[in-house]
Protein backbone atom coordinates (compact mmCIF):
# COMPACT_ATOMS: atom_id res chain seq x y z
CA UNK A 1 57.76 -1.04 151.90
CA UNK A 2 54.66 0.90 150.98
CA UNK A 3 52.12 -1.87 150.32
CA UNK A 4 48.43 -1.06 150.43
CA UNK A 5 46.45 -2.77 153.19
CA UNK A 6 43.74 -4.04 150.85
CA UNK A 7 44.89 -5.40 147.51
CA UNK A 8 42.93 -7.27 144.85
CA UNK A 9 44.83 -10.45 144.03
CA UNK A 10 43.61 -12.68 141.19
CA UNK A 11 43.48 -16.41 141.94
CA UNK A 12 44.52 -17.09 138.34
CA UNK A 13 47.32 -15.14 136.68
CA UNK A 14 46.12 -12.46 134.26
CA UNK A 15 49.05 -13.31 131.97
CA UNK A 16 47.79 -16.90 131.81
CA UNK A 17 44.15 -15.92 131.24
CA UNK A 18 45.05 -13.63 128.32
CA UNK A 19 45.85 -16.77 126.31
CA UNK A 20 42.11 -17.53 126.35
CA UNK A 21 40.81 -13.97 126.11
CA UNK A 22 40.51 -11.17 123.63
CA UNK A 23 41.31 -7.47 123.75
CA UNK A 24 38.60 -4.88 123.26
CA UNK A 25 38.67 -1.15 124.06
CA UNK A 26 42.21 -1.53 125.47
CA UNK A 27 41.02 -4.09 128.05
CA UNK A 28 41.35 -7.86 128.16
CA UNK A 29 38.17 -9.96 128.36
CA UNK A 30 37.45 -13.65 128.84
CA UNK A 31 34.27 -15.59 128.14
CA UNK A 32 32.94 -17.65 131.04
CA UNK A 33 30.06 -20.08 131.37
CA UNK A 34 27.64 -19.31 134.20
CA UNK A 35 26.22 -22.66 135.22
CA UNK A 36 23.46 -21.16 137.40
CA UNK A 37 22.04 -19.13 134.50
CA UNK A 38 23.09 -21.51 131.72
CA UNK A 39 24.69 -18.68 129.74
CA UNK A 40 28.04 -17.38 128.54
CA UNK A 41 29.26 -13.95 129.69
CA UNK A 42 32.26 -11.80 128.91
CA UNK A 43 34.10 -10.49 131.98
CA UNK A 44 37.18 -8.32 132.43
CA UNK A 45 40.24 -10.46 133.08
CA UNK A 46 41.52 -7.97 135.67
CA UNK A 47 38.37 -8.57 137.76
CA UNK A 48 37.96 -12.31 137.12
CA UNK A 49 38.61 -14.42 140.24
CA UNK A 50 39.98 -11.40 142.12
CA UNK A 51 39.80 -11.49 145.91
CA UNK A 52 41.15 -9.12 148.50
CA UNK A 53 44.46 -10.18 150.05
CA UNK A 54 43.92 -13.87 149.26
CA UNK A 55 47.66 -14.63 149.04
CA UNK A 56 48.80 -12.51 151.99
CA UNK A 57 50.85 -14.44 154.51
CA UNK A 58 50.23 -13.99 158.26
CA UNK A 59 53.07 -11.54 158.98
CA UNK A 60 53.08 -7.92 160.15
CA UNK A 61 55.97 -6.98 157.88
CA UNK A 62 54.54 -5.98 154.46
CA UNK A 63 57.48 -7.46 152.57
CA UNK A 64 56.95 -10.86 154.19
CA UNK A 65 53.18 -10.58 153.96
CA UNK A 66 53.32 -10.18 150.14
CA UNK A 67 56.27 -12.55 149.61
CA UNK A 68 54.25 -15.20 147.73
CA UNK A 69 52.69 -12.66 145.42
CA UNK A 70 56.01 -10.90 144.76
CA UNK A 71 57.78 -14.18 143.97
CA UNK A 72 54.92 -15.29 141.73
CA UNK A 73 55.21 -12.07 139.74
CA UNK A 74 58.81 -13.01 138.86
CA UNK A 75 57.56 -16.19 137.20
CA UNK A 76 54.59 -14.39 135.66
CA UNK A 77 56.88 -11.88 133.93
CA UNK A 78 58.51 -14.76 132.04
CA UNK A 79 55.43 -16.95 131.67
CA UNK A 80 55.03 -16.82 127.88
CA UNK A 81 58.69 -17.57 127.23
CA UNK A 82 58.80 -20.39 129.80
CA UNK A 83 55.68 -22.11 128.48
CA UNK A 84 56.86 -21.73 124.89
CA UNK A 85 60.26 -23.29 125.69
CA UNK A 86 58.73 -26.14 127.68
CA UNK A 87 56.25 -26.83 124.89
CA UNK A 88 58.73 -26.58 122.01
CA UNK A 89 61.93 -27.87 123.61
CA UNK A 90 60.42 -30.09 126.32
CA UNK A 91 62.62 -28.46 128.98
CA UNK A 92 63.42 -25.27 130.84
CA UNK A 93 66.64 -23.64 129.67
CA UNK A 94 68.90 -20.91 131.10
CA UNK A 95 67.81 -18.41 128.44
CA UNK A 96 64.29 -18.44 129.91
CA UNK A 97 65.24 -15.48 132.07
CA UNK A 98 66.99 -12.26 131.15
CA UNK A 99 68.00 -11.35 134.69
CA UNK A 100 70.07 -13.30 137.19
CA UNK A 101 67.57 -13.04 140.08
CA UNK A 102 64.74 -14.30 137.92
CA UNK A 103 66.88 -17.12 136.54
CA UNK A 104 67.85 -18.28 140.03
CA UNK A 105 64.28 -18.01 141.26
CA UNK A 106 62.96 -20.02 138.31
CA UNK A 107 65.66 -22.66 138.71
CA UNK A 108 64.86 -23.00 142.42
CA UNK A 109 61.14 -23.13 141.76
CA UNK A 110 61.25 -25.79 139.06
CA UNK A 111 64.21 -27.90 140.10
CA UNK A 112 63.98 -27.98 143.89
CA UNK A 113 60.87 -30.16 143.87
């Protein structure tokens, strides 16, 4: 697998943050409160809370090293639909995923706890 050694990984999903942001000049922005300066600033969502390799696991193999991030992206791809169904129907349903791998991953994630 051709993974870069240094990768910016946001602590908070960009898909999630877009619910609170706005789009301007083809980029997504979010307003944040800076407590130290007692002011509100607009920051790019793609740079907000980003840290280098924060979710990398301690393995030499790149596929294993980025396993958490890769699995999280499966959920992130279906985030809007999942949240909408949970909010409106009060449950997760099979139709929340269009592909079998994603469906199985979501089922394991939510129901194995």
